[in-house]
N, C-alpha and C. Protein backbone atom coordinates (compact mmCIF):
# COMPACT_ATOMS: atom_id res chain seq x y z
N MET A 1 -25.75 360.38 90.96
CA MET A 1 -24.94 361.21 91.84
C MET A 1 -23.64 360.50 92.13
N PRO A 2 -22.51 361.22 92.06
CA PRO A 2 -21.23 360.56 92.31
C PRO A 2 -21.09 360.12 93.76
N LYS A 3 -20.31 359.08 93.95
CA LYS A 3 -20.06 358.56 95.28
C LYS A 3 -19.17 359.51 96.06
N LEU A 4 -19.43 359.64 97.36
CA LEU A 4 -18.58 360.47 98.22
C LEU A 4 -17.41 359.63 98.71
N LEU A 5 -16.21 360.17 98.57
CA LEU A 5 -15.01 359.48 99.03
C LEU A 5 -14.60 360.05 100.38
N VAL A 6 -14.32 359.17 101.33
CA VAL A 6 -13.85 359.61 102.64
C VAL A 6 -12.40 359.16 102.77
N PRO A 7 -11.46 360.11 102.77
CA PRO A 7 -10.05 359.73 102.87
C PRO A 7 -9.72 359.15 104.25
N PHE A 8 -8.79 358.23 104.28
CA PHE A 8 -8.37 357.58 105.52
C PHE A 8 -6.86 357.60 105.56
N ALA A 9 -6.32 358.14 106.64
CA ALA A 9 -4.87 358.18 106.80
C ALA A 9 -4.53 357.90 108.25
N THR A 10 -3.37 357.34 108.46
CA THR A 10 -2.91 357.08 109.81
C THR A 10 -1.43 357.44 109.90
N PRO A 11 -1.02 358.08 111.00
CA PRO A 11 0.38 358.45 111.11
C PRO A 11 1.31 357.25 111.33
N ASP A 12 0.76 356.13 111.86
CA ASP A 12 1.60 354.96 112.15
C ASP A 12 0.83 353.69 111.80
N LEU A 13 1.18 353.08 110.69
CA LEU A 13 0.48 351.88 110.22
C LEU A 13 0.62 350.73 111.21
N SER A 14 1.77 350.62 111.86
CA SER A 14 2.00 349.55 112.82
C SER A 14 1.03 349.66 114.00
N SER A 15 0.84 350.88 114.53
CA SER A 15 -0.10 351.08 115.64
C SER A 15 -1.53 350.77 115.21
N LEU A 16 -1.87 351.17 113.98
CA LEU A 16 -3.21 350.89 113.47
C LEU A 16 -3.43 349.38 113.40
N ALA A 17 -2.47 348.66 112.84
CA ALA A 17 -2.60 347.21 112.71
C ALA A 17 -2.71 346.55 114.08
N LYS A 18 -1.90 347.02 115.03
CA LYS A 18 -1.91 346.45 116.38
C LYS A 18 -3.27 346.69 117.05
N SER A 19 -3.78 347.90 116.91
CA SER A 19 -5.07 348.24 117.50
C SER A 19 -6.20 347.43 116.86
N LEU A 20 -6.18 347.35 115.53
CA LEU A 20 -7.21 346.59 114.81
C LEU A 20 -7.16 345.11 115.19
N LYS A 21 -5.96 344.57 115.29
CA LYS A 21 -5.81 343.16 115.70
C LYS A 21 -6.39 342.94 117.09
N GLY A 22 -6.15 343.90 118.00
CA GLY A 22 -6.71 343.78 119.35
C GLY A 22 -8.23 343.73 119.34
N TYR A 23 -8.86 344.60 118.54
CA TYR A 23 -10.33 344.59 118.43
C TYR A 23 -10.82 343.25 117.89
N LEU A 24 -10.16 342.75 116.84
CA LEU A 24 -10.58 341.49 116.23
C LEU A 24 -10.36 340.32 117.18
N ASP A 25 -9.25 340.32 117.94
CA ASP A 25 -8.99 339.27 118.92
C ASP A 25 -10.07 339.26 120.00
N GLU A 26 -10.46 340.47 120.46
CA GLU A 26 -11.55 340.56 121.47
C GLU A 26 -12.82 339.92 120.94
N ARG A 27 -13.17 340.23 119.70
CA ARG A 27 -14.39 339.66 119.10
C ARG A 27 -14.27 338.14 119.01
N HIS A 28 -13.12 337.67 118.57
CA HIS A 28 -12.92 336.23 118.42
C HIS A 28 -13.01 335.52 119.77
N ASN A 29 -12.34 336.09 120.80
CA ASN A 29 -12.36 335.49 122.14
C ASN A 29 -13.75 335.51 122.75
N ALA A 30 -14.57 336.48 122.36
CA ALA A 30 -15.95 336.55 122.86
C ALA A 30 -16.89 335.65 122.05
N GLY A 31 -16.36 334.98 121.02
CA GLY A 31 -17.16 334.08 120.20
C GLY A 31 -18.06 334.80 119.21
N LYS A 32 -17.74 336.05 118.90
CA LYS A 32 -18.56 336.81 117.95
C LYS A 32 -18.13 336.50 116.52
N ALA A 33 -19.07 336.67 115.58
CA ALA A 33 -18.80 336.44 114.16
C ALA A 33 -17.91 337.55 113.62
N LEU A 34 -17.45 337.36 112.40
CA LEU A 34 -16.66 338.39 111.75
C LEU A 34 -17.48 339.68 111.68
N PRO A 35 -16.82 340.83 111.74
CA PRO A 35 -17.57 342.09 111.73
C PRO A 35 -18.24 342.34 110.38
N SER A 36 -19.40 343.01 110.44
CA SER A 36 -20.10 343.41 109.22
C SER A 36 -19.35 344.58 108.59
N HIS A 37 -19.81 345.02 107.44
CA HIS A 37 -19.19 346.15 106.76
C HIS A 37 -19.17 347.39 107.65
N VAL A 38 -20.30 347.72 108.26
CA VAL A 38 -20.39 348.90 109.13
C VAL A 38 -19.51 348.73 110.36
N GLU A 39 -19.53 347.54 110.96
CA GLU A 39 -18.68 347.29 112.13
C GLU A 39 -17.20 347.43 111.77
N LEU A 40 -16.83 346.95 110.57
CA LEU A 40 -15.44 347.05 110.15
C LEU A 40 -15.04 348.52 109.94
N LEU A 41 -15.95 349.32 109.36
CA LEU A 41 -15.67 350.75 109.22
C LEU A 41 -15.45 351.39 110.59
N ASN A 42 -16.30 351.04 111.55
CA ASN A 42 -16.14 351.58 112.90
C ASN A 42 -14.83 351.13 113.55
N LEU A 43 -14.46 349.86 113.34
CA LEU A 43 -13.20 349.35 113.89
C LEU A 43 -12.00 350.10 113.30
N LEU A 44 -12.01 350.30 112.00
CA LEU A 44 -10.92 351.04 111.35
C LEU A 44 -10.85 352.47 111.87
N ALA A 45 -12.01 353.11 112.00
CA ALA A 45 -12.04 354.48 112.50
C ALA A 45 -11.50 354.56 113.92
N ARG A 46 -11.93 353.63 114.79
CA ARG A 46 -11.44 353.62 116.18
C ARG A 46 -9.94 353.34 116.24
N ALA A 47 -9.48 352.43 115.38
CA ALA A 47 -8.05 352.12 115.36
C ALA A 47 -7.22 353.33 114.94
N ALA A 48 -7.83 354.22 114.18
CA ALA A 48 -7.12 355.44 113.74
C ALA A 48 -7.33 356.59 114.71
N GLY A 49 -8.03 356.33 115.83
CA GLY A 49 -8.17 357.35 116.87
C GLY A 49 -9.48 358.12 116.86
N HIS A 50 -10.46 357.69 116.07
CA HIS A 50 -11.76 358.35 116.05
C HIS A 50 -12.77 357.54 116.86
N ARG A 51 -13.86 358.20 117.27
CA ARG A 51 -14.86 357.52 118.07
C ARG A 51 -15.57 356.43 117.25
N ASN A 52 -15.91 356.74 116.00
CA ASN A 52 -16.55 355.78 115.10
C ASN A 52 -16.40 356.30 113.67
N TYR A 53 -16.98 355.59 112.71
CA TYR A 53 -16.86 355.97 111.31
C TYR A 53 -17.50 357.33 111.05
N GLN A 54 -18.64 357.61 111.68
CA GLN A 54 -19.30 358.90 111.47
C GLN A 54 -18.42 360.05 111.92
N ALA A 55 -17.71 359.87 113.04
CA ALA A 55 -16.80 360.91 113.52
C ALA A 55 -15.64 361.10 112.54
N LEU A 56 -15.12 360.00 112.00
CA LEU A 56 -14.06 360.08 110.99
C LEU A 56 -14.56 360.83 109.77
N LYS A 57 -15.76 360.48 109.35
CA LYS A 57 -16.36 361.10 108.16
C LYS A 57 -16.56 362.60 108.37
N ALA A 58 -17.01 362.99 109.57
CA ALA A 58 -17.23 364.40 109.87
C ALA A 58 -15.91 365.16 109.94
N ALA A 59 -14.86 364.50 110.39
CA ALA A 59 -13.56 365.18 110.56
C ALA A 59 -12.76 365.25 109.27
N ALA A 60 -13.05 364.37 108.32
CA ALA A 60 -12.24 364.29 107.10
C ALA A 60 -12.81 365.18 106.01
N PRO A 61 -11.95 365.79 105.20
CA PRO A 61 -12.46 366.50 104.03
C PRO A 61 -13.02 365.48 103.07
N VAL A 62 -14.26 365.65 102.67
CA VAL A 62 -14.93 364.69 101.81
C VAL A 62 -14.82 365.15 100.36
N ALA A 63 -14.42 364.24 99.50
CA ALA A 63 -14.28 364.57 98.08
C ALA A 63 -15.24 363.72 97.27
N HIS A 64 -15.66 364.25 96.17
CA HIS A 64 -16.51 363.49 95.25
C HIS A 64 -15.64 362.63 94.36
N ALA A 65 -16.12 361.43 94.07
CA ALA A 65 -15.42 360.59 93.12
C ALA A 65 -15.58 361.21 91.74
N ALA A 66 -14.72 360.82 90.82
CA ALA A 66 -14.85 361.31 89.46
C ALA A 66 -16.19 360.87 88.91
N PRO A 67 -16.87 361.74 88.15
CA PRO A 67 -18.18 361.36 87.63
C PRO A 67 -18.08 360.16 86.69
N THR A 68 -19.07 359.30 86.77
CA THR A 68 -19.12 358.15 85.89
C THR A 68 -19.67 358.58 84.54
N THR A 69 -19.60 357.69 83.57
CA THR A 69 -20.16 357.98 82.24
C THR A 69 -21.64 358.29 82.35
N THR A 70 -22.33 357.56 83.22
CA THR A 70 -23.76 357.79 83.42
C THR A 70 -24.01 359.19 83.96
N ASP A 71 -23.18 359.63 84.92
CA ASP A 71 -23.32 360.98 85.48
C ASP A 71 -23.13 362.04 84.39
N VAL A 72 -22.12 361.85 83.54
CA VAL A 72 -21.83 362.82 82.49
C VAL A 72 -22.99 362.88 81.51
N ARG A 73 -23.51 361.72 81.13
CA ARG A 73 -24.65 361.70 80.19
C ARG A 73 -25.87 362.37 80.80
N ALA A 74 -26.13 362.11 82.08
CA ALA A 74 -27.28 362.73 82.74
C ALA A 74 -27.12 364.24 82.79
N ALA A 75 -25.91 364.71 83.04
CA ALA A 75 -25.67 366.16 83.08
C ALA A 75 -25.89 366.78 81.71
N ARG A 76 -25.44 366.08 80.66
CA ARG A 76 -25.66 366.61 79.31
C ARG A 76 -27.14 366.68 78.99
N ARG A 77 -27.88 365.64 79.39
CA ARG A 77 -29.33 365.62 79.12
C ARG A 77 -30.04 366.75 79.85
N SER A 78 -29.60 367.05 81.07
CA SER A 78 -30.29 368.08 81.84
C SER A 78 -30.03 369.47 81.28
N ARG A 79 -28.90 369.65 80.56
CA ARG A 79 -28.55 370.91 79.91
C ARG A 79 -28.59 372.10 80.87
N VAL A 80 -28.18 371.87 82.10
CA VAL A 80 -28.13 372.95 83.08
C VAL A 80 -26.77 373.63 82.97
N ALA A 81 -26.79 374.89 82.61
CA ALA A 81 -25.55 375.66 82.48
C ALA A 81 -25.11 376.11 83.86
N PRO A 82 -23.81 376.31 84.06
CA PRO A 82 -23.35 376.84 85.34
C PRO A 82 -24.04 378.18 85.62
N GLU A 83 -24.40 378.38 86.84
CA GLU A 83 -25.12 379.58 87.22
C GLU A 83 -24.20 380.79 87.17
N GLN A 84 -24.59 381.77 86.39
CA GLN A 84 -23.82 383.00 86.28
C GLN A 84 -24.38 384.01 87.26
N VAL A 85 -23.51 384.73 87.90
CA VAL A 85 -23.94 385.71 88.88
C VAL A 85 -23.43 387.08 88.44
N ASP A 86 -24.36 388.00 88.29
CA ASP A 86 -24.01 389.36 87.92
C ASP A 86 -23.75 390.14 89.21
N ALA A 87 -22.56 390.73 89.31
CA ALA A 87 -22.19 391.47 90.52
C ALA A 87 -23.15 392.61 90.80
N ARG A 88 -23.81 393.12 89.75
CA ARG A 88 -24.76 394.22 89.95
C ARG A 88 -26.01 393.76 90.70
N GLU A 89 -26.27 392.44 90.68
CA GLU A 89 -27.42 391.90 91.43
C GLU A 89 -27.16 391.87 92.92
N LEU A 90 -25.90 391.96 93.31
CA LEU A 90 -25.53 391.79 94.71
C LEU A 90 -25.58 393.11 95.46
N SER A 91 -26.03 393.03 96.70
CA SER A 91 -26.03 394.21 97.56
C SER A 91 -24.60 394.48 98.03
N ALA A 92 -24.41 395.66 98.61
CA ALA A 92 -23.09 396.00 99.15
C ALA A 92 -22.69 395.01 100.24
N THR A 93 -23.66 394.59 101.05
CA THR A 93 -23.38 393.61 102.12
C THR A 93 -22.93 392.29 101.53
N ALA A 94 -23.61 391.84 100.46
CA ALA A 94 -23.25 390.57 99.83
C ALA A 94 -21.85 390.65 99.22
N ARG A 95 -21.53 391.78 98.56
CA ARG A 95 -20.20 391.94 97.97
C ARG A 95 -19.12 391.93 99.06
N LYS A 96 -19.40 392.62 100.17
CA LYS A 96 -18.43 392.65 101.27
C LYS A 96 -18.28 391.26 101.90
N THR A 97 -19.38 390.52 101.99
CA THR A 97 -19.33 389.17 102.56
C THR A 97 -18.49 388.25 101.68
N LEU A 98 -18.64 388.36 100.36
CA LEU A 98 -17.84 387.53 99.45
C LEU A 98 -16.35 387.75 99.67
N MET A 99 -15.95 388.95 100.03
CA MET A 99 -14.53 389.25 100.24
C MET A 99 -13.98 388.58 101.50
N GLN A 100 -14.86 388.03 102.34
CA GLN A 100 -14.41 387.37 103.57
C GLN A 100 -14.01 385.91 103.33
N PHE A 101 -14.20 385.41 102.09
CA PHE A 101 -13.94 384.01 101.75
C PHE A 101 -12.77 383.90 100.79
N ASP A 102 -12.01 382.79 100.91
CA ASP A 102 -10.93 382.54 99.95
C ASP A 102 -11.47 381.83 98.72
N ALA A 103 -10.59 381.48 97.78
CA ALA A 103 -11.01 380.87 96.52
C ALA A 103 -11.64 379.48 96.71
N GLN A 104 -11.34 378.82 97.83
CA GLN A 104 -11.92 377.51 98.12
C GLN A 104 -13.24 377.63 98.88
N GLY A 105 -13.71 378.84 99.11
CA GLY A 105 -14.97 379.05 99.81
C GLY A 105 -14.86 379.00 101.32
N ARG A 106 -13.63 379.12 101.86
CA ARG A 106 -13.44 379.09 103.32
C ARG A 106 -13.45 380.51 103.87
N LEU A 107 -14.11 380.66 105.01
CA LEU A 107 -14.18 381.95 105.67
C LEU A 107 -12.80 382.29 106.23
N VAL A 108 -12.24 383.43 105.83
CA VAL A 108 -10.88 383.79 106.18
C VAL A 108 -10.82 384.49 107.54
N ARG A 109 -11.82 385.28 107.85
CA ARG A 109 -11.85 386.03 109.11
C ARG A 109 -13.29 386.17 109.56
N LEU A 110 -13.50 386.43 110.83
CA LEU A 110 -14.85 386.69 111.33
C LEU A 110 -15.15 388.16 111.06
N PRO A 111 -16.14 388.46 110.24
CA PRO A 111 -16.43 389.85 109.92
C PRO A 111 -16.83 390.65 111.15
N ASN A 112 -16.42 391.93 111.18
CA ASN A 112 -16.79 392.81 112.29
C ASN A 112 -18.24 393.25 112.19
N LYS A 113 -18.67 393.56 110.98
CA LYS A 113 -20.03 394.07 110.78
C LYS A 113 -21.03 392.92 110.93
N LEU A 114 -22.05 393.11 111.76
CA LEU A 114 -23.01 392.05 112.07
C LEU A 114 -23.72 391.52 110.83
N SER A 115 -24.16 392.41 109.93
CA SER A 115 -24.90 391.95 108.75
C SER A 115 -24.02 391.09 107.85
N VAL A 116 -22.73 391.41 107.75
CA VAL A 116 -21.79 390.62 106.95
C VAL A 116 -21.53 389.28 107.64
N GLN A 117 -21.36 389.32 108.94
CA GLN A 117 -21.14 388.10 109.73
C GLN A 117 -22.32 387.13 109.57
N GLN A 118 -23.53 387.67 109.65
CA GLN A 118 -24.71 386.82 109.54
C GLN A 118 -24.85 386.22 108.15
N MET A 119 -24.54 387.01 107.11
CA MET A 119 -24.60 386.47 105.75
C MET A 119 -23.56 385.38 105.56
N ALA A 120 -22.37 385.55 106.13
CA ALA A 120 -21.32 384.54 106.04
C ALA A 120 -21.76 383.25 106.73
N CYS A 121 -22.52 383.37 107.80
CA CYS A 121 -23.00 382.18 108.52
C CYS A 121 -23.93 381.34 107.64
N TRP A 122 -24.65 381.97 106.73
CA TRP A 122 -25.51 381.20 105.82
C TRP A 122 -24.68 380.26 104.96
N ALA A 123 -23.49 380.71 104.53
CA ALA A 123 -22.62 379.85 103.73
C ALA A 123 -22.18 378.64 104.56
N LEU A 124 -21.87 378.85 105.83
CA LEU A 124 -21.49 377.74 106.70
C LEU A 124 -22.67 376.80 106.92
N TRP A 125 -23.87 377.37 107.04
CA TRP A 125 -25.09 376.58 107.25
C TRP A 125 -25.28 375.57 106.12
N THR A 126 -24.88 375.93 104.89
CA THR A 126 -25.06 375.02 103.75
C THR A 126 -24.19 373.77 103.86
N GLN A 127 -23.20 373.78 104.73
CA GLN A 127 -22.29 372.64 104.86
C GLN A 127 -22.85 371.52 105.73
N PHE A 128 -23.98 371.76 106.36
CA PHE A 128 -24.59 370.76 107.23
C PHE A 128 -25.74 370.06 106.52
N ALA A 129 -25.89 368.78 106.80
CA ALA A 129 -26.96 367.99 106.20
C ALA A 129 -28.23 368.12 107.02
N ALA A 130 -29.35 368.15 106.33
CA ALA A 130 -30.65 368.18 107.01
C ALA A 130 -30.96 366.80 107.58
N ASN A 131 -31.84 366.76 108.55
CA ASN A 131 -32.31 365.50 109.14
C ASN A 131 -31.17 364.62 109.65
N ARG A 132 -30.19 365.26 110.27
CA ARG A 132 -29.07 364.51 110.84
C ARG A 132 -28.66 365.19 112.13
N ASP A 133 -28.33 364.39 113.12
CA ASP A 133 -27.84 364.92 114.39
C ASP A 133 -26.31 364.96 114.36
N TYR A 134 -25.76 365.98 115.01
CA TYR A 134 -24.32 366.15 115.10
C TYR A 134 -23.93 366.28 116.56
N THR A 135 -22.75 365.81 116.90
CA THR A 135 -22.19 366.11 118.21
C THR A 135 -21.47 367.45 118.08
N GLU A 136 -21.10 368.03 119.22
CA GLU A 136 -20.37 369.30 119.18
C GLU A 136 -19.05 369.13 118.44
N LYS A 137 -18.40 368.00 118.66
CA LYS A 137 -17.13 367.72 118.00
C LYS A 137 -17.30 367.64 116.48
N GLU A 138 -18.39 367.03 116.02
CA GLU A 138 -18.64 366.93 114.59
C GLU A 138 -18.93 368.31 113.99
N VAL A 139 -19.69 369.13 114.71
CA VAL A 139 -19.96 370.50 114.24
C VAL A 139 -18.64 371.26 114.11
N ASN A 140 -17.79 371.15 115.12
CA ASN A 140 -16.48 371.82 115.08
C ASN A 140 -15.65 371.34 113.90
N ALA A 141 -15.68 370.04 113.64
CA ALA A 141 -14.89 369.48 112.54
C ALA A 141 -15.35 370.05 111.20
N ILE A 142 -16.65 370.16 111.01
CA ILE A 142 -17.19 370.72 109.76
C ILE A 142 -16.81 372.19 109.66
N LEU A 143 -16.98 372.93 110.74
CA LEU A 143 -16.63 374.36 110.71
C LEU A 143 -15.13 374.56 110.47
N ASN A 144 -14.30 373.70 111.04
CA ASN A 144 -12.85 373.83 110.85
C ASN A 144 -12.45 373.62 109.39
N LEU A 145 -13.22 372.81 108.66
CA LEU A 145 -12.94 372.61 107.24
C LEU A 145 -13.30 373.84 106.41
N HIS A 146 -14.17 374.69 106.96
CA HIS A 146 -14.72 375.79 106.16
C HIS A 146 -14.38 377.17 106.71
N HIS A 147 -13.41 377.25 107.61
CA HIS A 147 -12.90 378.57 108.01
C HIS A 147 -11.42 378.43 108.32
N LYS A 148 -10.72 379.59 108.35
CA LYS A 148 -9.26 379.56 108.47
C LYS A 148 -8.72 380.26 109.71
N PHE A 149 -9.58 380.77 110.59
CA PHE A 149 -9.06 381.54 111.71
C PHE A 149 -9.13 380.80 113.04
N GLY A 150 -9.50 379.53 113.03
CA GLY A 150 -9.36 378.68 114.20
C GLY A 150 -10.28 378.97 115.38
N ASP A 151 -11.52 379.37 115.11
CA ASP A 151 -12.45 379.64 116.20
C ASP A 151 -13.82 379.03 115.92
N PRO A 152 -13.90 377.67 115.92
CA PRO A 152 -15.19 377.05 115.63
C PRO A 152 -16.24 377.33 116.70
N ALA A 153 -15.81 377.59 117.94
CA ALA A 153 -16.79 377.84 119.02
C ALA A 153 -17.60 379.10 118.74
N THR A 154 -16.94 380.16 118.30
CA THR A 154 -17.66 381.40 117.99
C THR A 154 -18.61 381.19 116.82
N LEU A 155 -18.14 380.51 115.78
CA LEU A 155 -19.00 380.25 114.63
C LEU A 155 -20.19 379.38 115.01
N ARG A 156 -19.93 378.36 115.80
CA ARG A 156 -21.01 377.47 116.25
C ARG A 156 -22.05 378.27 117.04
N ARG A 157 -21.58 379.13 117.93
CA ARG A 157 -22.47 379.96 118.75
C ARG A 157 -23.30 380.89 117.87
N GLU A 158 -22.66 381.49 116.85
CA GLU A 158 -23.39 382.40 115.96
C GLU A 158 -24.44 381.66 115.15
N LEU A 159 -24.11 380.45 114.68
CA LEU A 159 -25.09 379.66 113.94
C LEU A 159 -26.30 379.32 114.81
N VAL A 160 -26.05 379.04 116.08
CA VAL A 160 -27.15 378.75 117.01
C VAL A 160 -27.94 380.03 117.30
N ASN A 161 -27.23 381.15 117.53
CA ASN A 161 -27.92 382.42 117.81
C ASN A 161 -28.80 382.85 116.65
N MET A 162 -28.37 382.56 115.42
CA MET A 162 -29.16 382.92 114.24
C MET A 162 -30.25 381.89 113.96
N LYS A 163 -30.31 380.84 114.76
CA LYS A 163 -31.26 379.75 114.60
C LYS A 163 -31.08 379.03 113.25
N LEU A 164 -29.82 378.98 112.80
CA LEU A 164 -29.47 378.18 111.64
C LEU A 164 -29.15 376.75 112.07
N LEU A 165 -28.60 376.62 113.27
CA LEU A 165 -28.41 375.32 113.91
C LEU A 165 -29.21 375.32 115.20
N GLY A 166 -29.78 374.18 115.53
CA GLY A 166 -30.42 374.00 116.83
C GLY A 166 -29.52 373.14 117.69
N ARG A 167 -29.74 373.22 119.01
CA ARG A 167 -28.94 372.37 119.90
C ARG A 167 -29.72 372.10 121.18
N GLU A 168 -29.36 370.99 121.80
CA GLU A 168 -29.91 370.66 123.11
C GLU A 168 -29.29 371.60 124.14
N CYS A 169 -29.97 371.80 125.26
CA CYS A 169 -29.47 372.69 126.32
C CYS A 169 -28.09 372.27 126.83
N ASP A 170 -27.83 370.96 126.86
CA ASP A 170 -26.54 370.48 127.36
C ASP A 170 -25.48 370.34 126.25
N CYS A 171 -25.81 370.84 125.06
CA CYS A 171 -24.90 370.82 123.90
C CYS A 171 -24.54 369.41 123.45
N SER A 172 -25.35 368.42 123.80
CA SER A 172 -25.04 367.04 123.44
C SER A 172 -25.46 366.71 122.00
N ARG A 173 -26.34 367.54 121.42
CA ARG A 173 -26.84 367.25 120.08
C ARG A 173 -27.10 368.55 119.35
N TYR A 174 -26.68 368.60 118.10
CA TYR A 174 -26.93 369.74 117.22
C TYR A 174 -27.64 369.25 115.97
N TRP A 175 -28.35 370.13 115.28
CA TRP A 175 -29.00 369.78 114.03
C TRP A 175 -29.16 371.05 113.19
N LYS A 176 -29.31 370.83 111.89
CA LYS A 176 -29.51 371.95 110.96
C LYS A 176 -30.98 372.33 110.99
N GLU A 177 -31.25 373.60 111.22
CA GLU A 177 -32.64 374.08 111.23
C GLU A 177 -33.11 374.28 109.79
N PRO A 178 -34.37 373.94 109.52
CA PRO A 178 -34.89 374.12 108.16
C PRO A 178 -35.26 375.59 107.93
N ARG A 179 -34.35 376.34 107.39
CA ARG A 179 -34.55 377.78 107.16
C ARG A 179 -34.45 378.08 105.68
N ARG A 180 -35.07 379.16 105.28
CA ARG A 180 -34.99 379.61 103.89
C ARG A 180 -34.41 381.02 103.90
N PRO A 181 -33.27 381.21 103.23
CA PRO A 181 -32.67 382.55 103.21
C PRO A 181 -33.52 383.52 102.40
N ASP A 182 -33.39 384.80 102.71
CA ASP A 182 -34.10 385.81 101.92
C ASP A 182 -33.43 385.96 100.56
N GLU A 183 -34.04 386.76 99.69
CA GLU A 183 -33.55 386.89 98.31
C GLU A 183 -32.11 387.42 98.26
N GLU A 184 -31.78 388.40 99.08
CA GLU A 184 -30.43 388.96 99.10
C GLU A 184 -29.41 387.87 99.46
N THR A 185 -29.75 387.06 100.44
CA THR A 185 -28.84 385.99 100.88
C THR A 185 -28.75 384.90 99.82
N ARG A 186 -29.86 384.59 99.14
CA ARG A 186 -29.81 383.59 98.06
C ARG A 186 -28.88 384.06 96.94
N ARG A 187 -28.93 385.34 96.61
CA ARG A 187 -28.01 385.86 95.57
C ARG A 187 -26.56 385.73 96.04
N PHE A 188 -26.33 386.08 97.30
CA PHE A 188 -24.97 385.93 97.85
C PHE A 188 -24.52 384.47 97.76
N LEU A 189 -25.38 383.52 98.16
CA LEU A 189 -25.00 382.11 98.15
C LEU A 189 -24.70 381.63 96.73
N ARG A 190 -25.47 382.10 95.74
CA ARG A 190 -25.18 381.72 94.35
C ARG A 190 -23.80 382.23 93.93
N ALA A 191 -23.49 383.46 94.30
CA ALA A 191 -22.19 384.04 93.95
C ALA A 191 -21.07 383.32 94.70
N TRP A 192 -21.30 383.01 95.97
CA TRP A 192 -20.30 382.31 96.79
C TRP A 192 -20.00 380.93 96.20
N ARG A 193 -21.06 380.19 95.81
CA ARG A 193 -20.86 378.87 95.21
C ARG A 193 -20.11 378.98 93.88
N ALA A 194 -20.48 379.97 93.07
CA ALA A 194 -19.82 380.14 91.77
C ALA A 194 -18.35 380.50 91.95
N GLY A 195 -18.04 381.27 92.97
CA GLY A 195 -16.66 381.70 93.20
C GLY A 195 -15.78 380.66 93.83
N SER A 196 -16.36 379.66 94.46
CA SER A 196 -15.54 378.67 95.17
C SER A 196 -15.48 377.33 94.45
N ARG A 197 -15.68 377.34 93.14
CA ARG A 197 -15.60 376.10 92.37
C ARG A 197 -14.18 375.78 92.00
């Protein structure tokens, strides 16, 4: 599997260096050892204005590294062809839902029709990792990467209402619910993935 790349950018390199130096000076004055790899990632993320590396990772668009020779050989051995989707297999709801997404797979508008809105939420659900906790801010960051109309709160609420995401009563923790879409939704998701490559 290719490595995931997390881009890192800062608007002011001087401020980043100053902030990072301050963190390192504090550690040195406290008699602590040099930071570990994970601690250094967290220091860099905090110096760039994020709470920690996980928050940076959730907020940043994640890209896959170019496949290695081993990845290419493994793909050839598996002989898995790209999944073709016949539009005739799709229901009217699935076809209408596909029209709500742009070529990059981002939701362009919140659909008015409830059945279309719910099917669109399944596509957003696929963007969350199983067995991982998210803060509300991290959920918003993921949703913001995958929609274009600037309303992550409504999307987050709909995902919770559909029981695609679970959350604590105080909204301090969110998680992806282990759900299985019905056949109509699975066909839609195959078409959505094929269209957003």
